[in-house]
Amino acid sequence: MSSVEEYIEKFPEEKQEALYKLRTMLLVSCPGLHENMQNSLPTYGKNGEVLFAFASQKHHFSFYACHYDLLEEFKSITERYNCGKSCIRFRKCDEQVLNDLKNIAIYIYKNVKGSAYHGNYRMKN
């Protein structure tokens, strides 16, 4: 897959809607993000550094925060979700989920230089 559009368009309509909402939320909330496909996922970064990615899985969606140490600020939010080290999983992309992810994305976007992983995740051209 060569573009985020192609990635999204391969899914059924209801999943496409959720993925477009995630994409729009990131691009509007974090101006200047660079978007590409990396490791077969829609990936978003700034200044050459990967910050976020997302995916549609069989039974859920996944939002990846590459600088996952910064998620510590959001324990009260992340404990509502099924989470991995850098992954937040959710079944429906409703307004509450979008708002939670928006707050997380904005924080990471503004504070990435304070992450222990700053400089570790590079965007591919």
PDB file of N, CA and C in Angstrom:
ATOM      1  N   MET A   1       0.839  -1.175   0.000  1.00  0.00           N
ATOM      2  CA  MET A   1       0.000   0.000   0.000  1.00  0.00           C
ATOM      3  C   MET A   1       0.883   1.237   0.000  1.00  0.00           C
ATOM      4  N   SER A   2       0.556   2.149  -0.870  1.00  0.00           N
ATOM      5  CA  SER A   2       1.435   3.305  -1.001  1.00  0.00           C
ATOM      6  C   SER A   2       0.897   4.566  -0.336  1.00  0.00           C
ATOM      7  N   SER A   3      -0.393   4.596   0.028  1.00  0.00           N
ATOM      8  CA  SER A   3      -0.926   5.818   0.633  1.00  0.00           C
ATOM      9  C   SER A   3      -1.903   5.493   1.757  1.00  0.00           C
ATOM     10  N   VAL A   4      -2.101   6.487   2.605  1.00  0.00           N
ATOM     11  CA  VAL A   4      -3.064   6.342   3.693  1.00  0.00           C
ATOM     12  C   VAL A   4      -4.463   6.163   3.107  1.00  0.00           C
ATOM     13  N   GLU A   5      -4.763   6.886   2.045  1.00  0.00           N
ATOM     14  CA  GLU A   5      -6.062   6.743   1.367  1.00  0.00           C
ATOM     15  C   GLU A   5      -6.301   5.291   0.959  1.00  0.00           C
ATOM     16  N   GLU A   6      -5.316   4.665   0.320  1.00  0.00           N
ATOM     17  CA  GLU A   6      -5.448   3.270  -0.105  1.00  0.00           C
ATOM     18  C   GLU A   6      -5.662   2.352   1.096  1.00  0.00           C
ATOM     19  N   TYR A   7      -4.937   2.613   2.182  1.00  0.00           N
ATOM     20  CA  TYR A   7      -5.089   1.814   3.394  1.00  0.00           C
ATOM     21  C   TYR A   7      -6.530   1.886   3.893  1.00  0.00           C
ATOM     22  N   ILE A   8      -7.053   3.082   4.009  1.00  0.00           N
ATOM     23  CA  ILE A   8      -8.402   3.272   4.548  1.00  0.00           C
ATOM     24  C   ILE A   8      -9.455   2.679   3.623  1.00  0.00           C
ATOM     25  N   GLU A   9      -9.293   2.876   2.342  1.00  0.00           N
ATOM     26  CA  GLU A   9     -10.297   2.451   1.369  1.00  0.00           C
ATOM     27  C   GLU A   9     -10.439   0.933   1.262  1.00  0.00           C
ATOM     28  N   LYS A  10      -9.491   0.181   1.780  1.00  0.00           N
ATOM     29  CA  LYS A  10      -9.590  -1.284   1.686  1.00  0.00           C
ATOM     30  C   LYS A  10     -10.564  -1.878   2.706  1.00  0.00           C
ATOM     31  N   PHE A  11     -11.018  -1.062   3.664  1.00  0.00           N
ATOM     32  CA  PHE A  11     -11.902  -1.545   4.721  1.00  0.00           C
ATOM     33  C   PHE A  11     -13.368  -1.278   4.394  1.00  0.00           C
ATOM     34  N   PRO A  12     -14.290  -1.993   5.070  1.00  0.00           N
ATOM     35  CA  PRO A  12     -15.716  -1.709   4.892  1.00  0.00           C
ATOM     36  C   PRO A  12     -16.039  -0.266   5.310  1.00  0.00           C
ATOM     37  N   GLU A  13     -17.146   0.241   4.809  1.00  0.00           N
ATOM     38  CA  GLU A  13     -17.510   1.641   4.991  1.00  0.00           C
ATOM     39  C   GLU A  13     -17.519   2.105   6.455  1.00  0.00           C
ATOM     40  N   GLU A  14     -18.050   1.295   7.359  1.00  0.00           N
ATOM     41  CA  GLU A  14     -18.123   1.714   8.768  1.00  0.00           C
ATOM     42  C   GLU A  14     -16.734   1.856   9.385  1.00  0.00           C
ATOM     43  N   LYS A  15     -15.799   1.009   8.972  1.00  0.00           N
ATOM     44  CA  LYS A  15     -14.424   1.147   9.459  1.00  0.00           C
ATOM     45  C   LYS A  15     -13.728   2.327   8.801  1.00  0.00           C
ATOM     46  N   GLN A  16     -14.016   2.558   7.534  1.00  0.00           N
ATOM     47  CA  GLN A  16     -13.444   3.712   6.838  1.00  0.00           C
ATOM     48  C   GLN A  16     -13.804   5.004   7.563  1.00  0.00           C
ATOM     49  N   GLU A  17     -15.060   5.114   7.957  1.00  0.00           N
ATOM     50  CA  GLU A  17     -15.514   6.322   8.648  1.00  0.00           C
ATOM     51  C   GLU A  17     -14.695   6.570   9.916  1.00  0.00           C
ATOM     52  N   ALA A  18     -14.485   5.532  10.694  1.00  0.00           N
ATOM     53  CA  ALA A  18     -13.703   5.662  11.928  1.00  0.00           C
ATOM     54  C   ALA A  18     -12.256   6.039  11.624  1.00  0.00           C
ATOM     55  N   LEU A  19     -11.669   5.417  10.618  1.00  0.00           N
ATOM     56  CA  LEU A  19     -10.277   5.703  10.270  1.00  0.00           C
ATOM     57  C   LEU A  19     -10.118   7.133   9.754  1.00  0.00           C
ATOM     58  N   TYR A  20     -11.069   7.596   8.966  1.00  0.00           N
ATOM     59  CA  TYR A  20     -11.021   8.989   8.509  1.00  0.00           C
ATOM     60  C   TYR A  20     -11.156   9.961   9.679  1.00  0.00           C
ATOM     61  N   LYS A  21     -11.978   9.614  10.663  1.00  0.00           N
ATOM     62  CA  LYS A  21     -12.104  10.464  11.857  1.00  0.00           C
ATOM     63  C   LYS A  21     -10.779  10.538  12.607  1.00  0.00           C
ATOM     64  N   LEU A  22     -10.116   9.397  12.771  1.00  0.00           N
ATOM     65  CA  LEU A  22      -8.808   9.386  13.442  1.00  0.00           C
ATOM     66  C   LEU A  22      -7.800  10.244  12.676  1.00  0.00           C
ATOM     67  N   ARG A  23      -7.759  10.049  11.383  1.00  0.00           N
ATOM     68  CA  ARG A  23      -6.832  10.794  10.530  1.00  0.00           C
ATOM     69  C   ARG A  23      -7.078  12.293  10.639  1.00  0.00           C
ATOM     70  N   THR A  24      -8.331  12.693  10.503  1.00  0.00           N
ATOM     71  CA  THR A  24      -8.678  14.115  10.569  1.00  0.00           C
ATOM     72  C   THR A  24      -8.350  14.694  11.935  1.00  0.00           C
ATOM     73  N   MET A  25      -8.669  13.946  13.004  1.00  0.00           N
ATOM     74  CA  MET A  25      -8.368  14.419  14.351  1.00  0.00           C
ATOM     75  C   MET A  25      -6.887  14.719  14.496  1.00  0.00           C
ATOM     76  N   LEU A  26      -6.034  13.824  14.029  1.00  0.00           N
ATOM     77  CA  LEU A  26      -4.592  14.028  14.141  1.00  0.00           C
ATOM     78  C   LEU A  26      -4.126  15.234  13.329  1.00  0.00           C
ATOM     79  N   LEU A  27      -4.557  15.314  12.087  1.00  0.00           N
ATOM     80  CA  LEU A  27      -4.085  16.383  11.209  1.00  0.00           C
ATOM     81  C   LEU A  27      -4.575  17.758  11.643  1.00  0.00           C
ATOM     82  N   VAL A  28      -5.774  17.834  12.221  1.00  0.00           N
ATOM     83  CA  VAL A  28      -6.313  19.117  12.688  1.00  0.00           C
ATOM     84  C   VAL A  28      -5.725  19.493  14.048  1.00  0.00           C
ATOM     85  N   SER A  29      -5.605  18.532  14.939  1.00  0.00           N
ATOM     86  CA  SER A  29      -5.136  18.800  16.306  1.00  0.00           C
ATOM     87  C   SER A  29      -3.642  19.084  16.389  1.00  0.00           C
ATOM     88  N   CYS A  30      -2.891  18.543  15.473  1.00  0.00           N
ATOM     89  CA  CYS A  30      -1.433  18.657  15.495  1.00  0.00           C
ATOM     90  C   CYS A  30      -0.956  19.196  14.150  1.00  0.00           C
ATOM     91  N   PRO A  31      -1.100  20.499  13.925  1.00  0.00           N
ATOM     92  CA  PRO A  31      -0.747  21.075  12.627  1.00  0.00           C
ATOM     93  C   PRO A  31       0.710  20.815  12.261  1.00  0.00           C
ATOM     94  N   GLY A  32       0.923  20.531  10.998  1.00  0.00           N
ATOM     95  CA  GLY A  32       2.279  20.303  10.511  1.00  0.00           C
ATOM     96  C   GLY A  32       2.735  18.866  10.573  1.00  0.00           C
ATOM     97  N   LEU A  33       1.845  17.947  10.970  1.00  0.00           N
ATOM     98  CA  LEU A  33       2.232  16.538  10.968  1.00  0.00           C
ATOM     99  C   LEU A  33       2.475  16.071   9.543  1.00  0.00           C
ATOM    100  N   HIS A  34       3.467  15.233   9.392  1.00  0.00           N
ATOM    101  CA  HIS A  34       3.746  14.602   8.110  1.00  0.00           C
ATOM    102  C   HIS A  34       3.097  13.225   8.141  1.00  0.00           C
ATOM    103  N   GLU A  35       2.404  12.873   7.069  1.00  0.00           N
ATOM    104  CA  GLU A  35       1.676  11.611   6.985  1.00  0.00           C
ATOM    105  C   GLU A  35       2.327  10.718   5.935  1.00  0.00           C
ATOM    106  N   ASN A  36       2.531   9.451   6.285  1.00  0.00           N
ATOM    107  CA  ASN A  36       2.969   8.473   5.302  1.00  0.00           C
ATOM    108  C   ASN A  36       2.580   7.078   5.757  1.00  0.00           C
ATOM    109  N   MET A  37       2.927   6.098   4.947  1.00  0.00           N
ATOM    110  CA  MET A  37       2.722   4.708   5.310  1.00  0.00           C
ATOM    111  C   MET A  37       4.074   4.155   5.749  1.00  0.00           C
ATOM    112  N   GLN A  38       4.097   3.580   6.933  1.00  0.00           N
ATOM    113  CA  GLN A  38       5.330   3.004   7.454  1.00  0.00           C
ATOM    114  C   GLN A  38       4.954   1.715   8.166  1.00  0.00           C
ATOM    115  N   ASN A  39       5.657   0.650   7.897  1.00  0.00           N
ATOM    116  CA  ASN A  39       5.335  -0.662   8.471  1.00  0.00           C
ATOM    117  C   ASN A  39       3.881  -1.031   8.198  1.00  0.00           C
ATOM    118  N   SER A  40       3.392  -0.661   7.021  1.00  0.00           N
ATOM    119  CA  SER A  40       2.029  -0.950   6.556  1.00  0.00           C
ATOM    120  C   SER A  40       0.941  -0.259   7.369  1.00  0.00           C
ATOM    121  N   LEU A  41       1.293   0.800   8.098  1.00  0.00           N
ATOM    122  CA  LEU A  41       0.329   1.549   8.901  1.00  0.00           C
ATOM    123  C   LEU A  41       0.367   3.034   8.554  1.00  0.00           C
ATOM    124  N   PRO A  42      -0.778   3.712   8.621  1.00  0.00           N
ATOM    125  CA  PRO A  42      -0.761   5.168   8.530  1.00  0.00           C
ATOM    126  C   PRO A  42       0.056   5.713   9.705  1.00  0.00           C
ATOM    127  N   THR A  43       1.050   6.504   9.385  1.00  0.00           N
ATOM    128  CA  THR A  43       2.026   6.967  10.374  1.00  0.00           C
ATOM    129  C   THR A  43       2.142   8.486  10.291  1.00  0.00           C
ATOM    130  N   TYR A  44       2.317   9.126  11.445  1.00  0.00           N
ATOM    131  CA  TYR A  44       2.327  10.585  11.529  1.00  0.00           C
ATOM    132  C   TYR A  44       3.516  11.047  12.358  1.00  0.00           C
ATOM    133  N   GLY A  45       4.192  12.069  11.863  1.00  0.00           N
ATOM    134  CA  GLY A  45       5.354  12.569  12.575  1.00  0.00           C
ATOM    135  C   GLY A  45       5.594  14.037  12.336  1.00  0.00           C
ATOM    136  N   LYS A  46       6.574  14.545  13.042  1.00  0.00           N
ATOM    137  CA  LYS A  46       6.986  15.936  12.863  1.00  0.00           C
ATOM    138  C   LYS A  46       8.500  15.992  12.979  1.00  0.00           C
ATOM    139  N   ASN A  47       9.086  16.873  12.183  1.00  0.00           N
ATOM    140  CA  ASN A  47      10.539  17.047  12.164  1.00  0.00           C
ATOM    141  C   ASN A  47      11.267  15.716  11.968  1.00  0.00           C
ATOM    142  N   GLY A  48      10.695  14.857  11.132  1.00  0.00           N
ATOM    143  CA  GLY A  48      11.332  13.581  10.807  1.00  0.00           C
ATOM    144  C   GLY A  48      11.183  12.495  11.847  1.00  0.00           C
ATOM    145  N   GLU A  49      10.405  12.753  12.886  1.00  0.00           N
ATOM    146  CA  GLU A  49      10.253  11.782  13.969  1.00  0.00           C
ATOM    147  C   GLU A  49       8.828  11.248  14.023  1.00  0.00           C
ATOM    148  N   VAL A  50       8.683   9.938  14.079  1.00  0.00           N
ATOM    149  CA  VAL A  50       7.363   9.317  14.176  1.00  0.00           C
ATOM    150  C   VAL A  50       6.773   9.591  15.554  1.00  0.00           C
ATOM    151  N   LEU A  51       5.518  10.046  15.554  1.00  0.00           N
ATOM    152  CA  LEU A  51       4.810  10.274  16.813  1.00  0.00           C
ATOM    153  C   LEU A  51       3.658   9.290  17.006  1.00  0.00           C
ATOM    154  N   PHE A  52       2.890   9.054  15.922  1.00  0.00           N
ATOM    155  CA  PHE A  52       1.668   8.261  16.021  1.00  0.00           C
ATOM    156  C   PHE A  52       1.500   7.342  14.818  1.00  0.00           C
ATOM    157  N   ALA A  53       0.687   6.330  15.019  1.00  0.00           N
ATOM    158  CA  ALA A  53       0.215   5.473  13.931  1.00  0.00           C
ATOM    159  C   ALA A  53      -1.149   4.953  14.365  1.00  0.00           C
ATOM    160  N   PHE A  54      -1.900   4.447  13.412  1.00  0.00           N
ATOM    161  CA  PHE A  54      -3.154   3.796  13.767  1.00  0.00           C
ATOM    162  C   PHE A  54      -3.409   2.634  12.830  1.00  0.00           C
ATOM    163  N   ALA A  55      -4.340   1.777  13.248  1.00  0.00           N
ATOM    164  CA  ALA A  55      -4.646   0.588  12.452  1.00  0.00           C
ATOM    165  C   ALA A  55      -6.065   0.131  12.727  1.00  0.00           C
ATOM    166  N   SER A  56      -6.604  -0.580  11.765  1.00  0.00           N
ATOM    167  CA  SER A  56      -7.864  -1.281  11.957  1.00  0.00           C
ATOM    168  C   SER A  56      -7.532  -2.768  12.038  1.00  0.00           C
ATOM    169  N   GLN A  57      -7.894  -3.370  13.138  1.00  0.00           N
ATOM    170  CA  GLN A  57      -7.686  -4.798  13.338  1.00  0.00           C
ATOM    171  C   GLN A  57      -9.021  -5.515  13.129  1.00  0.00           C
ATOM    172  N   LYS A  58      -9.026  -6.808  13.253  1.00  0.00           N
ATOM    173  CA  LYS A  58     -10.246  -7.575  12.997  1.00  0.00           C
ATOM    174  C   LYS A  58     -11.409  -7.151  13.905  1.00  0.00           C
ATOM    175  N   HIS A  59     -11.133  -6.989  15.205  1.00  0.00           N
ATOM    176  CA  HIS A  59     -12.201  -6.694  16.163  1.00  0.00           C
ATOM    177  C   HIS A  59     -12.047  -5.356  16.879  1.00  0.00           C
ATOM    178  N   HIS A  60     -11.047  -4.581  16.520  1.00  0.00           N
ATOM    179  CA  HIS A  60     -10.843  -3.308  17.203  1.00  0.00           C
ATOM    180  C   HIS A  60      -9.975  -2.390  16.339  1.00  0.00           C
ATOM    181  N   PHE A  61      -9.830  -1.168  16.817  1.00  0.00           N
ATOM    182  CA  PHE A  61      -8.896  -0.198  16.235  1.00  0.00           C
ATOM    183  C   PHE A  61      -7.743  -0.040  17.214  1.00  0.00           C
ATOM    184  N   SER A  62      -6.599   0.346  16.690  1.00  0.00           N
ATOM    185  CA  SER A  62      -5.428   0.587  17.530  1.00  0.00           C
ATOM    186  C   SER A  62      -4.851   1.961  17.220  1.00  0.00           C
ATOM    187  N   PHE A  63      -4.501   2.672  18.274  1.00  0.00           N
ATOM    188  CA  PHE A  63      -3.817   3.956  18.160  1.00  0.00           C
ATOM    189  C   PHE A  63      -2.474   3.779  18.846  1.00  0.00           C
ATOM    190  N   TYR A  64      -1.394   4.084  18.146  1.00  0.00           N
ATOM    191  CA  TYR A  64      -0.054   3.883  18.676  1.00  0.00           C
ATOM    192  C   TYR A  64       0.591   5.230  19.002  1.00  0.00           C
ATOM    193  N   ALA A  65       1.046   5.376  20.218  1.00  0.00           N
ATOM    194  CA  ALA A  65       1.790   6.552  20.658  1.00  0.00           C
ATOM    195  C   ALA A  65       3.240   6.104  20.810  1.00  0.00           C
ATOM    196  N   CYS A  66       4.076   6.464  19.836  1.00  0.00           N
ATOM    197  CA  CYS A  66       5.452   5.961  19.822  1.00  0.00           C
ATOM    198  C   CYS A  66       6.256   6.402  21.037  1.00  0.00           C
ATOM    199  N   HIS A  67       5.974   7.575  21.554  1.00  0.00           N
ATOM    200  CA  HIS A  67       6.666   8.069  22.751  1.00  0.00           C
ATOM    201  C   HIS A  67       5.800   7.733  23.962  1.00  0.00           C
ATOM    202  N   TYR A  68       5.679   6.428  24.184  1.00  0.00           N
ATOM    203  CA  TYR A  68       4.708   5.920  25.139  1.00  0.00           C
ATOM    204  C   TYR A  68       5.005   6.291  26.587  1.00  0.00           C
ATOM    205  N   ASP A  69       6.223   6.719  26.877  1.00  0.00           N
ATOM    206  CA  ASP A  69       6.498   7.171  28.238  1.00  0.00           C
ATOM    207  C   ASP A  69       5.652   8.402  28.582  1.00  0.00           C
ATOM    208  N   LEU A  70       5.263   9.173  27.576  1.00  0.00           N
ATOM    209  CA  LEU A  70       4.442  10.355  27.804  1.00  0.00           C
ATOM    210  C   LEU A  70       2.984  10.003  28.121  1.00  0.00           C
ATOM    211  N   LEU A  71       2.608   8.747  27.938  1.00  0.00           N
ATOM    212  CA  LEU A  71       1.251   8.318  28.279  1.00  0.00           C
ATOM    213  C   LEU A  71       1.022   8.286  29.790  1.00  0.00           C
ATOM    214  N   GLU A  72       2.092   8.323  30.565  1.00  0.00           N
ATOM    215  CA  GLU A  72       1.975   8.320  32.033  1.00  0.00           C
ATOM    216  C   GLU A  72       1.060   9.452  32.518  1.00  0.00           C
ATOM    217  N   GLU A  73       1.050  10.569  31.800  1.00  0.00           N
ATOM    218  CA  GLU A  73       0.205  11.712  32.151  1.00  0.00           C
ATOM    219  C   GLU A  73      -1.279  11.403  32.021  1.00  0.00           C
ATOM    220  N   PHE A  74      -1.617  10.298  31.361  1.00  0.00           N
ATOM    221  CA  PHE A  74      -3.000  10.005  31.026  1.00  0.00           C
ATOM    222  C   PHE A  74      -3.497   8.678  31.594  1.00  0.00           C
ATOM    223  N   LYS A  75      -2.960   8.274  32.731  1.00  0.00           N
ATOM    224  CA  LYS A  75      -3.364   6.993  33.329  1.00  0.00           C
ATOM    225  C   LYS A  75      -4.870   6.923  33.562  1.00  0.00           C
ATOM    226  N   SER A  76      -5.471   8.021  33.973  1.00  0.00           N
ATOM    227  CA  SER A  76      -6.918   8.009  34.231  1.00  0.00           C
ATOM    228  C   SER A  76      -7.703   7.776  32.944  1.00  0.00           C
ATOM    229  N   ILE A  77      -7.128   8.137  31.819  1.00  0.00           N
ATOM    230  CA  ILE A  77      -7.776   7.889  30.528  1.00  0.00           C
ATOM    231  C   ILE A  77      -7.439   6.490  30.027  1.00  0.00           C
ATOM    232  N   THR A  78      -6.161   6.148  30.016  1.00  0.00           N
ATOM    233  CA  THR A  78      -5.762   4.866  29.420  1.00  0.00           C
ATOM    234  C   THR A  78      -6.302   3.660  30.185  1.00  0.00           C
ATOM    235  N   GLU A  79      -6.574   3.813  31.469  1.00  0.00           N
ATOM    236  CA  GLU A  79      -7.103   2.658  32.206  1.00  0.00           C
ATOM    237  C   GLU A  79      -8.529   2.300  31.774  1.00  0.00           C
ATOM    238  N   ARG A  80      -9.173   3.163  31.003  1.00  0.00           N
ATOM    239  CA  ARG A  80     -10.512   2.856  30.464  1.00  0.00           C
ATOM    240  C   ARG A  80     -10.436   1.988  29.210  1.00  0.00           C
ATOM    241  N   TYR A  81      -9.220   1.800  28.687  1.00  0.00           N
ATOM    242  CA  TYR A  81      -9.034   1.087  27.429  1.00  0.00           C
ATOM    243  C   TYR A  81      -8.168  -0.149  27.628  1.00  0.00           C
ATOM    244  N   ASN A  82      -8.199  -1.018  26.639  1.00  0.00           N
ATOM    245  CA  ASN A  82      -7.291  -2.150  26.572  1.00  0.00           C
ATOM    246  C   ASN A  82      -5.999  -1.604  25.958  1.00  0.00           C
ATOM    247  N   CYS A  83      -4.948  -1.550  26.741  1.00  0.00           N
ATOM    248  CA  CYS A  83      -3.704  -0.919  26.276  1.00  0.00           C
ATOM    249  C   CYS A  83      -2.526  -1.874  26.329  1.00  0.00           C
ATOM    250  N   GLY A  84      -1.627  -1.676  25.389  1.00  0.00           N
ATOM    251  CA  GLY A  84      -0.317  -2.301  25.427  1.00  0.00           C
ATOM    252  C   GLY A  84       0.676  -1.221  25.819  1.00  0.00           C
ATOM    253  N   LYS A  85       1.948  -1.480  25.601  1.00  0.00           N
ATOM    254  CA  LYS A  85       2.978  -0.515  25.974  1.00  0.00           C
ATOM    255  C   LYS A  85       2.774   0.826  25.258  1.00  0.00           C
ATOM    256  N   SER A  86       2.535   0.788  23.955  1.00  0.00           N
ATOM    257  CA  SER A  86       2.359   2.024  23.194  1.00  0.00           C
ATOM    258  C   SER A  86       1.014   2.069  22.479  1.00  0.00           C
ATOM    259  N   CYS A  87       0.177   1.093  22.708  1.00  0.00           N
ATOM    260  CA  CYS A  87      -1.051   0.914  21.934  1.00  0.00           C
ATOM    261  C   CYS A  87      -2.289   1.122  22.802  1.00  0.00           C
ATOM    262  N   ILE A  88      -3.245   1.848  22.244  1.00  0.00           N
ATOM    263  CA  ILE A  88      -4.553   2.017  22.875  1.00  0.00           C
ATOM    264  C   ILE A  88      -5.563   1.378  21.933  1.00  0.00           C
ATOM    265  N   ARG A  89      -6.282   0.358  22.421  1.00  0.00           N
ATOM    266  CA  ARG A  89      -7.229  -0.375  21.588  1.00  0.00           C
ATOM    267  C   ARG A  89      -8.655   0.010  21.968  1.00  0.00           C
ATOM    268  N   PHE A  90      -9.511   0.115  20.952  1.00  0.00           N
ATOM    269  CA  PHE A  90     -10.910   0.465  21.191  1.00  0.00           C
ATOM    270  C   PHE A  90     -11.764  -0.133  20.078  1.00  0.00           C
ATOM    271  N   ARG A  91     -13.010  -0.437  20.405  1.00  0.00           N
ATOM    272  CA  ARG A  91     -13.905  -1.092  19.447  1.00  0.00           C
ATOM    273  C   ARG A  91     -14.662  -0.094  18.575  1.00  0.00           C
ATOM    274  N   LYS A  92     -15.043   1.040  19.136  1.00  0.00           N
ATOM    275  CA  LYS A  92     -15.793   2.047  18.384  1.00  0.00           C
ATOM    276  C   LYS A  92     -15.083   3.380  18.492  1.00  0.00           C
ATOM    277  N   CYS A  93     -15.102   4.109  17.413  1.00  0.00           N
ATOM    278  CA  CYS A  93     -14.445   5.418  17.382  1.00  0.00           C
ATOM    279  C   CYS A  93     -15.501   6.501  17.605  1.00  0.00           C
ATOM    280  N   ASP A  94     -16.002   6.574  18.848  1.00  0.00           N
ATOM    281  CA  ASP A  94     -17.026   7.559  19.170  1.00  0.00           C
ATOM    282  C   ASP A  94     -16.391   8.864  19.643  1.00  0.00           C
ATOM    283  N   GLU A  95     -17.218   9.819  19.997  1.00  0.00           N
ATOM    284  CA  GLU A  95     -16.719  11.147  20.383  1.00  0.00           C
ATOM    285  C   GLU A  95     -15.826  11.089  21.625  1.00  0.00           C
ATOM    286  N   GLN A  96     -16.154  10.231  22.586  1.00  0.00           N
ATOM    287  CA  GLN A  96     -15.324  10.105  23.791  1.00  0.00           C
ATOM    288  C   GLN A  96     -13.928   9.597  23.443  1.00  0.00           C
ATOM    289  N   VAL A  97     -13.859   8.578  22.623  1.00  0.00           N
ATOM    290  CA  VAL A  97     -12.566   8.038  22.194  1.00  0.00           C
ATOM    291  C   VAL A  97     -11.777   9.106  21.440  1.00  0.00           C
ATOM    292  N   LEU A  98     -12.421   9.765  20.491  1.00  0.00           N
ATOM    293  CA  LEU A  98     -11.727  10.810  19.722  1.00  0.00           C
ATOM    294  C   LEU A  98     -11.221  11.929  20.620  1.00  0.00           C
ATOM    295  N   ASN A  99     -12.021  12.323  21.595  1.00  0.00           N
ATOM    296  CA  ASN A  99     -11.595  13.381  22.517  1.00  0.00           C
ATOM    297  C   ASN A  99     -10.415  12.925  23.373  1.00  0.00           C
ATOM    298  N   ASP A 100     -10.471  11.699  23.876  1.00  0.00           N
ATOM    299  CA  ASP A 100      -9.360  11.164  24.672  1.00  0.00           C
ATOM    300  C   ASP A 100      -8.071  11.110  23.840  1.00  0.00           C
ATOM    301  N   LEU A 101      -8.180  10.580  22.623  1.00  0.00           N
ATOM    302  CA  LEU A 101      -6.997  10.468  21.764  1.00  0.00           C
ATOM    303  C   LEU A 101      -6.486  11.839  21.330  1.00  0.00           C
ATOM    304  N   LYS A 102      -7.381  12.765  21.132  1.00  0.00           N
ATOM    305  CA  LYS A 102      -6.975  14.133  20.782  1.00  0.00           C
ATOM    306  C   LYS A 102      -6.138  14.746  21.905  1.00  0.00           C
ATOM    307  N   ASN A 103      -6.599  14.609  23.145  1.00  0.00           N
ATOM    308  CA  ASN A 103      -5.845  15.150  24.287  1.00  0.00           C
ATOM    309  C   ASN A 103      -4.470  14.507  24.403  1.00  0.00           C
ATOM    310  N   ILE A 104      -4.407  13.208  24.196  1.00  0.00           N
ATOM    311  CA  ILE A 104      -3.128  12.496  24.237  1.00  0.00           C
ATOM    312  C   ILE A 104      -2.228  12.961  23.097  1.00  0.00           C
ATOM    313  N   ALA A 105      -2.784  13.045  21.895  1.00  0.00           N
ATOM    314  CA  ALA A 105      -1.995  13.440  20.721  1.00  0.00           C
ATOM    315  C   ALA A 105      -1.418  14.841  20.878  1.00  0.00           C
ATOM    316  N   ILE A 106      -2.231  15.766  21.319  1.00  0.00           N
ATOM    317  CA  ILE A 106      -1.757  17.147  21.487  1.00  0.00           C
ATOM    318  C   ILE A 106      -0.636  17.202  22.516  1.00  0.00           C
ATOM    319  N   TYR A 107      -0.790  16.493  23.621  1.00  0.00           N
ATOM    320  CA  TYR A 107       0.241  16.485  24.658  1.00  0.00           C
ATOM    321  C   TYR A 107       1.559  15.925  24.116  1.00  0.00           C
ATOM    322  N   ILE A 108       1.490  14.800  23.442  1.00  0.00           N
ATOM    323  CA  ILE A 108       2.708  14.191  22.903  1.00  0.00           C
ATOM    324  C   ILE A 108       3.326  15.101  21.845  1.00  0.00           C
ATOM    325  N   TYR A 109       2.507  15.654  20.976  1.00  0.00           N
ATOM    326  CA  TYR A 109       2.970  16.565  19.927  1.00  0.00           C
ATOM    327  C   TYR A 109       3.749  17.741  20.523  1.00  0.00           C
ATOM    328  N   LYS A 110       3.246  18.293  21.611  1.00  0.00           N
ATOM    329  CA  LYS A 110       3.875  19.460  22.238  1.00  0.00           C
ATOM    330  C   LYS A 110       5.058  19.100  23.130  1.00  0.00           C
ATOM    331  N   ASN A 111       5.112  17.867  23.602  1.00  0.00           N
ATOM    332  CA  ASN A 111       6.121  17.491  24.604  1.00  0.00           C
ATOM    333  C   ASN A 111       7.076  16.395  24.167  1.00  0.00           C
ATOM    334  N   VAL A 112       7.126  16.109  22.873  1.00  0.00           N
ATOM    335  CA  VAL A 112       7.935  14.998  22.380  1.00  0.00           C
ATOM    336  C   VAL A 112       9.408  15.140  22.763  1.00  0.00           C
ATOM    337  N   LYS A 113       9.908  16.348  22.835  1.00  0.00           N
ATOM    338  CA  LYS A 113      11.325  16.531  23.186  1.00  0.00           C
ATOM    339  C   LYS A 113      11.629  16.102  24.618  1.00  0.00           C
ATOM    340  N   GLY A 114      10.599  15.993  25.446  1.00  0.00           N
ATOM    341  CA  GLY A 114      10.777  15.536  26.819  1.00  0.00           C
ATOM    342  C   GLY A 114      10.678  14.031  26.972  1.00  0.00           C
ATOM    343  N   SER A 115      10.436  13.337  25.885  1.00  0.00           N
ATOM    344  CA  SER A 115      10.315  11.881  25.928  1.00  0.00           C
ATOM    345  C   SER A 115      11.691  11.227  26.002  1.00  0.00           C
ATOM    346  N   ALA A 116      11.759  10.150  26.747  1.00  0.00           N
ATOM    347  CA  ALA A 116      13.001   9.367  26.813  1.00  0.00           C
ATOM    348  C   ALA A 116      13.332   8.754  25.454  1.00  0.00           C
ATOM    349  N   TYR A 117      12.355   8.683  24.570  1.00  0.00           N
ATOM    350  CA  TYR A 117      12.540   8.065  23.257  1.00  0.00           C
ATOM    351  C   TYR A 117      12.717   9.095  22.139  1.00  0.00           C
ATOM    352  N   HIS A 118      12.838  10.356  22.511  1.00  0.00           N
ATOM    353  CA  HIS A 118      13.020  11.413  21.505  1.00  0.00           C
ATOM    354  C   HIS A 118      14.245  11.099  20.648  1.00  0.00           C
ATOM    355  N   GLY A 119      14.024  11.096  19.322  1.00  0.00           N
ATOM    356  CA  GLY A 119      15.099  10.807  18.392  1.00  0.00           C
ATOM    357  C   GLY A 119      15.228   9.342  17.992  1.00  0.00           C
ATOM    358  N   ASN A 120      14.458   8.473  18.626  1.00  0.00           N
ATOM    359  CA  ASN A 120      14.572   7.025  18.354  1.00  0.00           C
ATOM    360  C   ASN A 120      13.717   6.536  17.193  1.00  0.00           C
ATOM    361  N   TYR A 121      12.644   7.235  16.891  1.00  0.00           N
ATOM    362  CA  TYR A 121      11.694   6.769  15.879  1.00  0.00           C
ATOM    363  C   TYR A 121      11.709   7.725  14.700  1.00  0.00           C
ATOM    364  N   ARG A 122      12.334   7.342  13.606  1.00  0.00           N
ATOM    365  CA  ARG A 122      12.497   8.211  12.460  1.00  0.00           C
ATOM    366  C   ARG A 122      11.479   7.882  11.372  1.00  0.00           C
ATOM    367  N   MET A 123      10.976   8.951  10.735  1.00  0.00           N
ATOM    368  CA  MET A 123      10.066   8.793   9.595  1.00  0.00           C
ATOM    369  C   MET A 123      10.873   8.321   8.401  1.00  0.00           C
ATOM    370  N   LYS A 124      10.291   7.426   7.617  1.00  0.00           N
ATOM    371  CA  LYS A 124      10.895   7.021   6.351  1.00  0.00           C
ATOM    372  C   LYS A 124      10.404   7.991   5.286  1.00  0.00           C
ATOM    373  N   ASN A 125      11.215   8.183   4.278  1.00  0.00           N
ATOM    374  CA  ASN A 125      10.809   9.092   3.197  1.00  0.00           C
ATOM    375  C   ASN A 125       9.712   8.524   2.364  1.00  0.00           C
TER     376      ASN A 125
END
